[in-house]
Amino acid sequence: MLLTLPELIQQAAGKVRRIDAGTAHAEALEGESWFIDVREPPEVAADPIPGSVNFPRGVLEMKMLENCKNPDMPIFIHCATSARATLAAEQLQRLGYTRVSAISCSLDVIRVARCAPV
């Protein structure tokens, strides 16, 4: 039986930590962390999020393994709707990253949280 995309995302959501942008921002203030934007480059160019690194979902695993050697680094993943972020977070956990969170709110909320004064 084939799963629908909403069913696949729902399954992944049960396996990953999903948090709002305010929580991600507060946790990021505790030390070094990565904010990964898994949208495609044209999407990011049209609507960038300050302080995020763009690793599109299609190359996420390769980019993370090349650039983040610490499996315990806090990683916060976001996209436009949280769907790709949820699937990406599940995949990073499968690679062995232990502190992965998918941000489950809109880009506008992420942008406000990322730009909040420290």
PDB file of N, CA and C in Angstrom:
ATOM      1  N   MET A   1       0.839  -1.188   0.000  1.00  0.00           N
ATOM      2  CA  MET A   1       0.000   0.000   0.000  1.00  0.00           C
ATOM      3  C   MET A   1       0.881   1.248   0.000  1.00  0.00           C
ATOM      4  N   LEU A   2       0.584   2.151  -0.887  1.00  0.00           N
ATOM      5  CA  LEU A   2       1.302   3.415  -0.938  1.00  0.00           C
ATOM      6  C   LEU A   2       0.749   4.380   0.103  1.00  0.00           C
ATOM      7  N   LEU A   3       1.658   5.147   0.694  1.00  0.00           N
ATOM      8  CA  LEU A   3       1.241   6.189   1.636  1.00  0.00           C
ATOM      9  C   LEU A   3       1.040   7.491   0.883  1.00  0.00           C
ATOM     10  N   THR A   4       0.120   8.297   1.347  1.00  0.00           N
ATOM     11  CA  THR A   4      -0.007   9.647   0.818  1.00  0.00           C
ATOM     12  C   THR A   4       1.062  10.504   1.482  1.00  0.00           C
ATOM     13  N   LEU A   5       1.359  11.637   0.919  1.00  0.00           N
ATOM     14  CA  LEU A   5       2.338  12.528   1.528  1.00  0.00           C
ATOM     15  C   LEU A   5       1.919  12.951   2.937  1.00  0.00           C
ATOM     16  N   PRO A   6       0.666  13.334   3.171  1.00  0.00           N
ATOM     17  CA  PRO A   6       0.272  13.652   4.551  1.00  0.00           C
ATOM     18  C   PRO A   6       0.469  12.485   5.518  1.00  0.00           C
ATOM     19  N   GLU A   7       0.221  11.253   5.060  1.00  0.00           N
ATOM     20  CA  GLU A   7       0.436  10.089   5.923  1.00  0.00           C
ATOM     21  C   GLU A   7       1.918   9.897   6.235  1.00  0.00           C
ATOM     22  N   LEU A   8       2.763  10.083   5.229  1.00  0.00           N
ATOM     23  CA  LEU A   8       4.208   9.964   5.428  1.00  0.00           C
ATOM     24  C   LEU A   8       4.708  11.012   6.415  1.00  0.00           C
ATOM     25  N   ILE A   9       4.241  12.234   6.260  1.00  0.00           N
ATOM     26  CA  ILE A   9       4.642  13.313   7.170  1.00  0.00           C
ATOM     27  C   ILE A   9       4.140  13.034   8.584  1.00  0.00           C
ATOM     28  N   GLN A  10       2.924  12.525   8.687  1.00  0.00           N
ATOM     29  CA  GLN A  10       2.380  12.194  10.006  1.00  0.00           C
ATOM     30  C   GLN A  10       3.218  11.112  10.683  1.00  0.00           C
ATOM     31  N   GLN A  11       3.637  10.119   9.942  1.00  0.00           N
ATOM     32  CA  GLN A  11       4.494   9.069  10.504  1.00  0.00           C
ATOM     33  C   GLN A  11       5.818   9.660  10.974  1.00  0.00           C
ATOM     34  N   ALA A  12       6.425  10.503  10.145  1.00  0.00           N
ATOM     35  CA  ALA A  12       7.706  11.117  10.509  1.00  0.00           C
ATOM     36  C   ALA A  12       7.538  12.008  11.727  1.00  0.00           C
ATOM     37  N   ALA A  13       6.425  12.729  11.810  1.00  0.00           N
ATOM     38  CA  ALA A  13       6.188  13.637  12.932  1.00  0.00           C
ATOM     39  C   ALA A  13       6.138  12.892  14.255  1.00  0.00           C
ATOM     40  N   GLY A  14       5.738  11.639  14.221  1.00  0.00           N
ATOM     41  CA  GLY A  14       5.704  10.838  15.438  1.00  0.00           C
ATOM     42  C   GLY A  14       7.084  10.392  15.893  1.00  0.00           C
ATOM     43  N   LYS A  15       8.073  10.564  15.038  1.00  0.00           N
ATOM     44  CA  LYS A  15       9.427  10.107  15.341  1.00  0.00           C
ATOM     45  C   LYS A  15      10.404  11.241  15.636  1.00  0.00           C
ATOM     46  N   VAL A  16      10.020  12.465  15.317  1.00  0.00           N
ATOM     47  CA  VAL A  16      10.945  13.585  15.486  1.00  0.00           C
ATOM     48  C   VAL A  16      10.390  14.612  16.465  1.00  0.00           C
ATOM     49  N   ARG A  17      11.289  15.371  17.011  1.00  0.00           N
ATOM     50  CA  ARG A  17      10.902  16.466  17.905  1.00  0.00           C
ATOM     51  C   ARG A  17      10.494  17.656  17.042  1.00  0.00           C
ATOM     52  N   ARG A  18       9.291  18.153  17.262  1.00  0.00           N
ATOM     53  CA  ARG A  18       8.797  19.331  16.541  1.00  0.00           C
ATOM     54  C   ARG A  18       8.588  20.439  17.562  1.00  0.00           C
ATOM     55  N   ILE A  19       9.158  21.606  17.277  1.00  0.00           N
ATOM     56  CA  ILE A  19       9.086  22.732  18.209  1.00  0.00           C
ATOM     57  C   ILE A  19       8.750  24.000  17.448  1.00  0.00           C
ATOM     58  N   ASP A  20       8.340  25.018  18.184  1.00  0.00           N
ATOM     59  CA  ASP A  20       8.080  26.301  17.535  1.00  0.00           C
ATOM     60  C   ASP A  20       9.379  27.095  17.438  1.00  0.00           C
ATOM     61  N   ALA A  21       9.345  28.159  16.675  1.00  0.00           N
ATOM     62  CA  ALA A  21      10.551  28.951  16.421  1.00  0.00           C
ATOM     63  C   ALA A  21      11.074  29.621  17.686  1.00  0.00           C
ATOM     64  N   GLY A  22      10.195  30.039  18.564  1.00  0.00           N
ATOM     65  CA  GLY A  22      10.640  30.671  19.808  1.00  0.00           C
ATOM     66  C   GLY A  22      11.446  29.713  20.667  1.00  0.00           C
ATOM     67  N   THR A  23      11.004  28.479  20.752  1.00  0.00           N
ATOM     68  CA  THR A  23      11.734  27.462  21.506  1.00  0.00           C
ATOM     69  C   THR A  23      13.088  27.198  20.859  1.00  0.00           C
ATOM     70  N   ALA A  24      13.100  27.085  19.535  1.00  0.00           N
ATOM     71  CA  ALA A  24      14.367  26.861  18.821  1.00  0.00           C
ATOM     72  C   ALA A  24      15.331  28.006  19.067  1.00  0.00           C
ATOM     73  N   HIS A  25      14.841  29.226  18.993  1.00  0.00           N
ATOM     74  CA  HIS A  25      15.702  30.397  19.213  1.00  0.00           C
ATOM     75  C   HIS A  25      16.269  30.384  20.633  1.00  0.00           C
ATOM     76  N   ALA A  26      15.427  30.116  21.611  1.00  0.00           N
ATOM     77  CA  ALA A  26      15.886  30.091  23.007  1.00  0.00           C
ATOM     78  C   ALA A  26      16.936  29.002  23.219  1.00  0.00           C
ATOM     79  N   GLU A  27      16.719  27.834  22.645  1.00  0.00           N
ATOM     80  CA  GLU A  27      17.690  26.749  22.795  1.00  0.00           C
ATOM     81  C   GLU A  27      18.992  27.061  22.069  1.00  0.00           C
ATOM     82  N   ALA A  28      18.908  27.744  20.942  1.00  0.00           N
ATOM     83  CA  ALA A  28      20.108  28.098  20.179  1.00  0.00           C
ATOM     84  C   ALA A  28      20.990  29.074  20.953  1.00  0.00           C
ATOM     85  N   LEU A  29      20.401  29.861  21.818  1.00  0.00           N
ATOM     86  CA  LEU A  29      21.181  30.813  22.617  1.00  0.00           C
ATOM     87  C   LEU A  29      22.058  30.109  23.642  1.00  0.00           C
ATOM     88  N   GLU A  30      21.786  28.836  23.909  1.00  0.00           N
ATOM     89  CA  GLU A  30      22.538  28.084  24.911  1.00  0.00           C
ATOM     90  C   GLU A  30      23.919  27.655  24.410  1.00  0.00           C
ATOM     91  N   GLY A  31      24.169  27.744  23.126  1.00  0.00           N
ATOM     92  CA  GLY A  31      25.469  27.339  22.598  1.00  0.00           C
ATOM     93  C   GLY A  31      25.421  27.172  21.094  1.00  0.00           C
ATOM     94  N   GLU A  32      26.469  26.588  20.566  1.00  0.00           N
ATOM     95  CA  GLU A  32      26.574  26.403  19.122  1.00  0.00           C
ATOM     96  C   GLU A  32      25.457  25.495  18.615  1.00  0.00           C
ATOM     97  N   SER A  33      24.884  25.861  17.476  1.00  0.00           N
ATOM     98  CA  SER A  33      23.822  25.068  16.864  1.00  0.00           C
ATOM     99  C   SER A  33      23.746  25.419  15.384  1.00  0.00           C
ATOM    100  N   TRP A  34      22.981  24.655  14.658  1.00  0.00           N
ATOM    101  CA  TRP A  34      22.760  24.897  13.232  1.00  0.00           C
ATOM    102  C   TRP A  34      21.279  25.112  12.975  1.00  0.00           C
ATOM    103  N   PHE A  35      20.961  26.121  12.174  1.00  0.00           N
ATOM    104  CA  PHE A  35      19.627  26.300  11.619  1.00  0.00           C
ATOM    105  C   PHE A  35      19.739  25.960  10.147  1.00  0.00           C
ATOM    106  N   ILE A  36      19.046  24.915   9.727  1.00  0.00           N
ATOM    107  CA  ILE A  36      19.129  24.425   8.360  1.00  0.00           C
ATOM    108  C   ILE A  36      17.804  24.687   7.654  1.00  0.00           C
ATOM    109  N   ASP A  37      17.872  25.395   6.538  1.00  0.00           N
ATOM    110  CA  ASP A  37      16.719  25.664   5.691  1.00  0.00           C
ATOM    111  C   ASP A  37      16.747  24.633   4.564  1.00  0.00           C
ATOM    112  N   VAL A  38      15.757  23.751   4.504  1.00  0.00           N
ATOM    113  CA  VAL A  38      15.764  22.683   3.513  1.00  0.00           C
ATOM    114  C   VAL A  38      14.952  23.018   2.261  1.00  0.00           C
ATOM    115  N   ARG A  39      14.587  24.300   2.107  1.00  0.00           N
ATOM    116  CA  ARG A  39      13.902  24.705   0.884  1.00  0.00           C
ATOM    117  C   ARG A  39      14.892  24.725  -0.280  1.00  0.00           C
ATOM    118  N   GLU A  40      14.359  24.801  -1.487  1.00  0.00           N
ATOM    119  CA  GLU A  40      15.186  24.881  -2.689  1.00  0.00           C
ATOM    120  C   GLU A  40      15.806  26.281  -2.800  1.00  0.00           C
ATOM    121  N   PRO A  41      16.993  26.392  -3.410  1.00  0.00           N
ATOM    122  CA  PRO A  41      17.682  27.683  -3.494  1.00  0.00           C
ATOM    123  C   PRO A  41      16.831  28.847  -4.023  1.00  0.00           C
ATOM    124  N   PRO A  42      15.997  28.679  -5.068  1.00  0.00           N
ATOM    125  CA  PRO A  42      15.169  29.817  -5.500  1.00  0.00           C
ATOM    126  C   PRO A  42      14.192  30.296  -4.416  1.00  0.00           C
ATOM    127  N   GLU A  43      13.668  29.364  -3.626  1.00  0.00           N
ATOM    128  CA  GLU A  43      12.770  29.738  -2.535  1.00  0.00           C
ATOM    129  C   GLU A  43      13.515  30.555  -1.489  1.00  0.00           C
ATOM    130  N   VAL A  44      14.722  30.119  -1.159  1.00  0.00           N
ATOM    131  CA  VAL A  44      15.525  30.810  -0.149  1.00  0.00           C
ATOM    132  C   VAL A  44      15.936  32.189  -0.661  1.00  0.00           C
ATOM    133  N   ALA A  45      16.313  32.270  -1.940  1.00  0.00           N
ATOM    134  CA  ALA A  45      16.714  33.559  -2.517  1.00  0.00           C
ATOM    135  C   ALA A  45      15.564  34.559  -2.482  1.00  0.00           C
ATOM    136  N   ALA A  46      14.360  34.080  -2.696  1.00  0.00           N
ATOM    137  CA  ALA A  46      13.186  34.958  -2.696  1.00  0.00           C
ATOM    138  C   ALA A  46      12.744  35.354  -1.294  1.00  0.00           C
ATOM    139  N   ASP A  47      13.064  34.530  -0.301  1.00  0.00           N
ATOM    140  CA  ASP A  47      12.576  34.772   1.054  1.00  0.00           C
ATOM    141  C   ASP A  47      13.556  34.188   2.078  1.00  0.00           C
ATOM    142  N   PRO A  48      14.745  34.788   2.208  1.00  0.00           N
ATOM    143  CA  PRO A  48      15.759  34.215   3.098  1.00  0.00           C
ATOM    144  C   PRO A  48      15.412  34.372   4.577  1.00  0.00           C
ATOM    145  N   ILE A  49      15.962  33.459   5.381  1.00  0.00           N
ATOM    146  CA  ILE A  49      15.826  33.520   6.835  1.00  0.00           C
ATOM    147  C   ILE A  49      17.215  33.796   7.394  1.00  0.00           C
ATOM    148  N   PRO A  50      17.409  34.926   8.069  1.00  0.00           N
ATOM    149  CA  PRO A  50      18.742  35.259   8.604  1.00  0.00           C
ATOM    150  C   PRO A  50      19.278  34.170   9.534  1.00  0.00           C
ATOM    151  N   GLY A  51      20.551  33.882   9.379  1.00  0.00           N
ATOM    152  CA  GLY A  51      21.208  32.931  10.269  1.00  0.00           C
ATOM    153  C   GLY A  51      21.016  31.474   9.923  1.00  0.00           C
ATOM    154  N   SER A  52      20.369  31.190   8.801  1.00  0.00           N
ATOM    155  CA  SER A  52      20.155  29.805   8.389  1.00  0.00           C
ATOM    156  C   SER A  52      21.107  29.427   7.263  1.00  0.00           C
ATOM    157  N   VAL A  53      21.477  28.162   7.250  1.00  0.00           N
ATOM    158  CA  VAL A  53      22.271  27.594   6.168  1.00  0.00           C
ATOM    159  C   VAL A  53      21.310  26.848   5.259  1.00  0.00           C
ATOM    160  N   ASN A  54      21.453  27.028   3.955  1.00  0.00           N
ATOM    161  CA  ASN A  54      20.561  26.346   3.016  1.00  0.00           C
ATOM    162  C   ASN A  54      21.193  25.050   2.530  1.00  0.00           C
ATOM    163  N   PHE A  55      20.628  23.941   2.998  1.00  0.00           N
ATOM    164  CA  PHE A  55      20.954  22.613   2.494  1.00  0.00           C
ATOM    165  C   PHE A  55      19.638  22.028   1.993  1.00  0.00           C
ATOM    166  N   PRO A  56      19.340  22.139   0.689  1.00  0.00           N
ATOM    167  CA  PRO A  56      18.079  21.602   0.183  1.00  0.00           C
ATOM    168  C   PRO A  56      17.915  20.133   0.551  1.00  0.00           C
ATOM    169  N   ARG A  57      16.691  19.730   0.720  1.00  0.00           N
ATOM    170  CA  ARG A  57      16.412  18.375   1.175  1.00  0.00           C
ATOM    171  C   ARG A  57      17.057  17.325   0.281  1.00  0.00           C
ATOM    172  N   GLY A  58      17.158  17.570  -1.004  1.00  0.00           N
ATOM    173  CA  GLY A  58      17.735  16.597  -1.917  1.00  0.00           C
ATOM    174  C   GLY A  58      19.214  16.321  -1.707  1.00  0.00           C
ATOM    175  N   VAL A  59      19.927  17.236  -1.070  1.00  0.00           N
ATOM    176  CA  VAL A  59      21.369  17.048  -0.822  1.00  0.00           C
ATOM    177  C   VAL A  59      21.693  17.150   0.667  1.00  0.00           C
ATOM    178  N   LEU A  60      20.686  17.135   1.496  1.00  0.00           N
ATOM    179  CA  LEU A  60      20.861  17.361   2.933  1.00  0.00           C
ATOM    180  C   LEU A  60      21.860  16.396   3.554  1.00  0.00           C
ATOM    181  N   GLU A  61      21.695  15.113   3.309  1.00  0.00           N
ATOM    182  CA  GLU A  61      22.557  14.125   3.948  1.00  0.00           C
ATOM    183  C   GLU A  61      24.022  14.369   3.589  1.00  0.00           C
ATOM    184  N   MET A  62      24.301  14.582   2.314  1.00  0.00           N
ATOM    185  CA  MET A  62      25.687  14.820   1.887  1.00  0.00           C
ATOM    186  C   MET A  62      26.252  16.080   2.523  1.00  0.00           C
ATOM    187  N   LYS A  63      25.485  17.158   2.498  1.00  0.00           N
ATOM    188  CA  LYS A  63      25.955  18.432   3.051  1.00  0.00           C
ATOM    189  C   LYS A  63      26.187  18.339   4.553  1.00  0.00           C
ATOM    190  N   MET A  64      25.295  17.681   5.266  1.00  0.00           N
ATOM    191  CA  MET A  64      25.461  17.564   6.709  1.00  0.00           C
ATOM    192  C   MET A  64      26.680  16.725   7.053  1.00  0.00           C
ATOM    193  N   LEU A  65      26.850  15.605   6.383  1.00  0.00           N
ATOM    194  CA  LEU A  65      28.003  14.750   6.676  1.00  0.00           C
ATOM    195  C   LEU A  65      29.313  15.436   6.339  1.00  0.00           C
ATOM    196  N   GLU A  66      29.306  16.322   5.346  1.00  0.00           N
ATOM    197  CA  GLU A  66      30.506  17.086   4.994  1.00  0.00           C
ATOM    198  C   GLU A  66      30.774  18.214   5.983  1.00  0.00           C
ATOM    199  N   ASN A  67      29.733  18.837   6.496  1.00  0.00           N
ATOM    200  CA  ASN A  67      29.873  20.080   7.250  1.00  0.00           C
ATOM    201  C   ASN A  67      29.634  19.989   8.752  1.00  0.00           C
ATOM    202  N   CYS A  68      28.974  18.967   9.214  1.00  0.00           N
ATOM    203  CA  CYS A  68      28.681  18.841  10.645  1.00  0.00           C
ATOM    204  C   CYS A  68      29.092  17.456  11.115  1.00  0.00           C
ATOM    205  N   LYS A  69      30.269  17.381  11.687  1.00  0.00           N
ATOM    206  CA  LYS A  69      30.825  16.103  12.130  1.00  0.00           C
ATOM    207  C   LYS A  69      30.398  15.733  13.548  1.00  0.00           C
ATOM    208  N   ASN A  70      29.748  16.653  14.252  1.00  0.00           N
ATOM    209  CA  ASN A  70      29.339  16.422  15.634  1.00  0.00           C
ATOM    210  C   ASN A  70      27.899  15.901  15.660  1.00  0.00           C
ATOM    211  N   PRO A  71      27.695  14.613  15.948  1.00  0.00           N
ATOM    212  CA  PRO A  71      26.334  14.073  15.940  1.00  0.00           C
ATOM    213  C   PRO A  71      25.449  14.617  17.056  1.00  0.00           C
ATOM    214  N   ASP A  72      26.058  15.274  18.055  1.00  0.00           N
ATOM    215  CA  ASP A  72      25.295  15.809  19.179  1.00  0.00           C
ATOM    216  C   ASP A  72      25.042  17.315  19.084  1.00  0.00           C
ATOM    217  N   MET A  73      25.398  17.922  17.953  1.00  0.00           N
ATOM    218  CA  MET A  73      25.155  19.347  17.737  1.00  0.00           C
ATOM    219  C   MET A  73      23.646  19.581  17.627  1.00  0.00           C
ATOM    220  N   PRO A  74      23.101  20.567  18.335  1.00  0.00           N
ATOM    221  CA  PRO A  74      21.685  20.889  18.149  1.00  0.00           C
ATOM    222  C   PRO A  74      21.445  21.390  16.717  1.00  0.00           C
ATOM    223  N   ILE A  75      20.487  20.787  16.053  1.00  0.00           N
ATOM    224  CA  ILE A  75      20.151  21.123  14.673  1.00  0.00           C
ATOM    225  C   ILE A  75      18.670  21.449  14.614  1.00  0.00           C
ATOM    226  N   PHE A  76      18.364  22.617  14.077  1.00  0.00           N
ATOM    227  CA  PHE A  76      16.982  23.066  13.930  1.00  0.00           C
ATOM    228  C   PHE A  76      16.694  23.185  12.440  1.00  0.00           C
ATOM    229  N   ILE A  77      15.738  22.435  11.963  1.00  0.00           N
ATOM    230  CA  ILE A  77      15.440  22.382  10.530  1.00  0.00           C
ATOM    231  C   ILE A  77      14.120  23.088  10.260  1.00  0.00           C
ATOM    232  N   HIS A  78      14.121  23.901   9.192  1.00  0.00           N
ATOM    233  CA  HIS A  78      12.876  24.569   8.816  1.00  0.00           C
ATOM    234  C   HIS A  78      12.702  24.598   7.308  1.00  0.00           C
ATOM    235  N   CYS A  79      11.470  24.856   6.889  1.00  0.00           N
ATOM    236  CA  CYS A  79      11.108  25.007   5.477  1.00  0.00           C
ATOM    237  C   CYS A  79       9.902  25.942   5.434  1.00  0.00           C
ATOM    238  N   ALA A  80       9.150  25.919   4.372  1.00  0.00           N
ATOM    239  CA  ALA A  80       8.013  26.833   4.248  1.00  0.00           C
ATOM    240  C   ALA A  80       6.810  26.395   5.080  1.00  0.00           C
ATOM    241  N   THR A  81       6.586  25.089   5.224  1.00  0.00           N
ATOM    242  CA  THR A  81       5.369  24.613   5.879  1.00  0.00           C
ATOM    243  C   THR A  81       5.609  23.622   7.013  1.00  0.00           C
ATOM    244  N   SER A  82       6.797  23.206   7.231  1.00  0.00           N
ATOM    245  CA  SER A  82       7.269  22.206   8.187  1.00  0.00           C
ATOM    246  C   SER A  82       7.200  20.784   7.649  1.00  0.00           C
ATOM    247  N   ALA A  83       6.642  20.562   6.468  1.00  0.00           N
ATOM    248  CA  ALA A  83       6.562  19.218   5.900  1.00  0.00           C
ATOM    249  C   ALA A  83       7.949  18.688   5.552  1.00  0.00           C
ATOM    250  N   ARG A  84       8.695  19.428   4.745  1.00  0.00           N
ATOM    251  CA  ARG A  84      10.044  18.994   4.378  1.00  0.00           C
ATOM    252  C   ARG A  84      10.951  18.961   5.598  1.00  0.00           C
ATOM    253  N   ALA A  85      10.768  19.900   6.515  1.00  0.00           N
ATOM    254  CA  ALA A  85      11.591  19.929   7.728  1.00  0.00           C
ATOM    255  C   ALA A  85      11.372  18.667   8.555  1.00  0.00           C
ATOM    256  N   THR A  86      10.144  18.216   8.654  1.00  0.00           N
ATOM    257  CA  THR A  86       9.839  17.013   9.423  1.00  0.00           C
ATOM    258  C   THR A  86      10.480  15.789   8.782  1.00  0.00           C
ATOM    259  N   LEU A  87      10.348  15.655   7.472  1.00  0.00           N
ATOM    260  CA  LEU A  87      10.962  14.528   6.774  1.00  0.00           C
ATOM    261  C   LEU A  87      12.487  14.597   6.851  1.00  0.00           C
ATOM    262  N   ALA A  88      13.050  15.798   6.748  1.00  0.00           N
ATOM    263  CA  ALA A  88      14.496  15.967   6.830  1.00  0.00           C
ATOM    264  C   ALA A  88      15.014  15.630   8.225  1.00  0.00           C
ATOM    265  N   ALA A  89      14.289  16.036   9.248  1.00  0.00           N
ATOM    266  CA  ALA A  89      14.698  15.734  10.626  1.00  0.00           C
ATOM    267  C   ALA A  89      14.730  14.226  10.853  1.00  0.00           C
ATOM    268  N   GLU A  90      13.730  13.539  10.345  1.00  0.00           N
ATOM    269  CA  GLU A  90      13.711  12.082  10.479  1.00  0.00           C
ATOM    270  C   GLU A  90      14.939  11.473   9.797  1.00  0.00           C
ATOM    271  N   GLN A  91      15.283  11.958   8.635  1.00  0.00           N
ATOM    272  CA  GLN A  91      16.425  11.415   7.905  1.00  0.00           C
ATOM    273  C   GLN A  91      17.733  11.683   8.647  1.00  0.00           C
ATOM    274  N   LEU A  92      17.896  12.866   9.214  1.00  0.00           N
ATOM    275  CA  LEU A  92      19.126  13.162   9.958  1.00  0.00           C
ATOM    276  C   LEU A  92      19.243  12.278  11.193  1.00  0.00           C
ATOM    277  N   GLN A  93      18.132  11.986  11.816  1.00  0.00           N
ATOM    278  CA  GLN A  93      18.167  11.057  12.954  1.00  0.00           C
ATOM    279  C   GLN A  93      18.631   9.682  12.492  1.00  0.00           C
ATOM    280  N   ARG A  94      18.195   9.263  11.326  1.00  0.00           N
ATOM    281  CA  ARG A  94      18.611   7.961  10.790  1.00  0.00           C
ATOM    282  C   ARG A  94      20.109   7.936  10.512  1.00  0.00           C
ATOM    283  N   LEU A  95      20.675   9.106  10.199  1.00  0.00           N
ATOM    284  CA  LEU A  95      22.121   9.192   9.981  1.00  0.00           C
ATOM    285  C   LEU A  95      22.902   9.134  11.286  1.00  0.00           C
ATOM    286  N   GLY A  96      22.247   9.442  12.404  1.00  0.00           N
ATOM    287  CA  GLY A  96      22.921   9.383  13.695  1.00  0.00           C
ATOM    288  C   GLY A  96      22.990  10.694  14.443  1.00  0.00           C
ATOM    289  N   TYR A  97      22.415  11.766  13.888  1.00  0.00           N
ATOM    290  CA  TYR A  97      22.368  13.032  14.619  1.00  0.00           C
ATOM    291  C   TYR A  97      21.344  12.880  15.743  1.00  0.00           C
ATOM    292  N   THR A  98      21.730  13.305  16.947  1.00  0.00           N
ATOM    293  CA  THR A  98      20.914  13.006  18.135  1.00  0.00           C
ATOM    294  C   THR A  98      20.056  14.160  18.634  1.00  0.00           C
ATOM    295  N   ARG A  99      20.352  15.384  18.190  1.00  0.00           N
ATOM    296  CA  ARG A  99      19.625  16.549  18.729  1.00  0.00           C
ATOM    297  C   ARG A  99      18.996  17.348  17.598  1.00  0.00           C
ATOM    298  N   VAL A 100      18.154  16.682  16.836  1.00  0.00           N
ATOM    299  CA  VAL A 100      17.511  17.281  15.664  1.00  0.00           C
ATOM    300  C   VAL A 100      16.081  17.670  16.020  1.00  0.00           C
ATOM    301  N   SER A 101      15.700  18.882  15.619  1.00  0.00           N
ATOM    302  CA  SER A 101      14.327  19.355  15.819  1.00  0.00           C
ATOM    303  C   SER A 101      13.809  19.960  14.525  1.00  0.00           C
ATOM    304  N   ALA A 102      12.560  19.688  14.219  1.00  0.00           N
ATOM    305  CA  ALA A 102      11.886  20.324  13.086  1.00  0.00           C
ATOM    306  C   ALA A 102      11.075  21.491  13.624  1.00  0.00           C
ATOM    307  N   ILE A 103      11.257  22.641  13.020  1.00  0.00           N
ATOM    308  CA  ILE A 103      10.486  23.819  13.437  1.00  0.00           C
ATOM    309  C   ILE A 103       9.128  23.754  12.745  1.00  0.00           C
ATOM    310  N   SER A 104       8.086  23.809  13.548  1.00  0.00           N
ATOM    311  CA  SER A 104       6.736  23.534  13.056  1.00  0.00           C
ATOM    312  C   SER A 104       5.853  24.771  12.969  1.00  0.00           C
ATOM    313  N   CYS A 105       6.427  25.862  12.497  1.00  0.00           N
ATOM    314  CA  CYS A 105       5.616  27.072  12.346  1.00  0.00           C
ATOM    315  C   CYS A 105       5.993  27.763  11.044  1.00  0.00           C
ATOM    316  N   SER A 106       5.302  28.815  10.714  1.00  0.00           N
ATOM    317  CA  SER A 106       5.499  29.491   9.440  1.00  0.00           C
ATOM    318  C   SER A 106       6.830  30.240   9.374  1.00  0.00           C
ATOM    319  N   LEU A 107       7.236  30.548   8.164  1.00  0.00           N
ATOM    320  CA  LEU A 107       8.473  31.304   7.960  1.00  0.00           C
ATOM    321  C   LEU A 107       8.431  32.661   8.641  1.00  0.00           C
ATOM    322  N   ASP A 108       7.273  33.311   8.643  1.00  0.00           N
ATOM    323  CA  ASP A 108       7.183  34.619   9.300  1.00  0.00           C
ATOM    324  C   ASP A 108       7.498  34.513  10.784  1.00  0.00           C
ATOM    325  N   VAL A 109       7.012  33.473  11.429  1.00  0.00           N
ATOM    326  CA  VAL A 109       7.288  33.285  12.851  1.00  0.00           C
ATOM    327  C   VAL A 109       8.761  32.947  13.053  1.00  0.00           C
ATOM    328  N   ILE A 110       9.323  32.131  12.177  1.00  0.00           N
ATOM    329  CA  ILE A 110      10.746  31.799  12.264  1.00  0.00           C
ATOM    330  C   ILE A 110      11.586  33.057  12.112  1.00  0.00           C
ATOM    331  N   ARG A 111      11.253  33.872  11.133  1.00  0.00           N
ATOM    332  CA  ARG A 111      12.006  35.101  10.873  1.00  0.00           C
ATOM    333  C   ARG A 111      11.998  36.012  12.091  1.00  0.00           C
ATOM    334  N   VAL A 112      10.858  36.184  12.707  1.00  0.00           N
ATOM    335  CA  VAL A 112      10.757  37.037  13.902  1.00  0.00           C
ATOM    336  C   VAL A 112      11.596  36.475  15.028  1.00  0.00           C
ATOM    337  N   ALA A 113      11.521  35.160  15.254  1.00  0.00           N
ATOM    338  CA  ALA A 113      12.291  34.545  16.338  1.00  0.00           C
ATOM    339  C   ALA A 113      13.786  34.639  16.083  1.00  0.00           C
ATOM    340  N   ARG A 114      14.214  34.423  14.840  1.00  0.00           N
ATOM    341  CA  ARG A 114      15.639  34.461  14.518  1.00  0.00           C
ATOM    342  C   ARG A 114      16.199  35.865  14.649  1.00  0.00           C
ATOM    343  N   CYS A 115      15.371  36.868  14.457  1.00  0.00           N
ATOM    344  CA  CYS A 115      15.827  38.249  14.527  1.00  0.00           C
ATOM    345  C   CYS A 115      15.590  38.875  15.887  1.00  0.00           C
ATOM    346  N   ALA A 116      15.068  38.103  16.821  1.00  0.00           N
ATOM    347  CA  ALA A 116      14.775  38.638  18.152  1.00  0.00           C
ATOM    348  C   ALA A 116      16.073  39.059  18.832  1.00  0.00           C
ATOM    349  N   PRO A 117      16.031  40.129  19.601  1.00  0.00           N
ATOM    350  CA  PRO A 117      17.223  40.551  20.298  1.00  0.00           C
ATOM    351  C   PRO A 117      17.662  39.528  21.336  1.00  0.00           C
ATOM    352  N   VAL A 118      18.962  39.406  21.489  1.00  0.00           N
ATOM    353  CA  VAL A 118      19.523  38.449  22.456  1.00  0.00           C
ATOM    354  C   VAL A 118      19.550  39.082  23.820  1.00  0.00           C
TER     355      VAL A 118
END
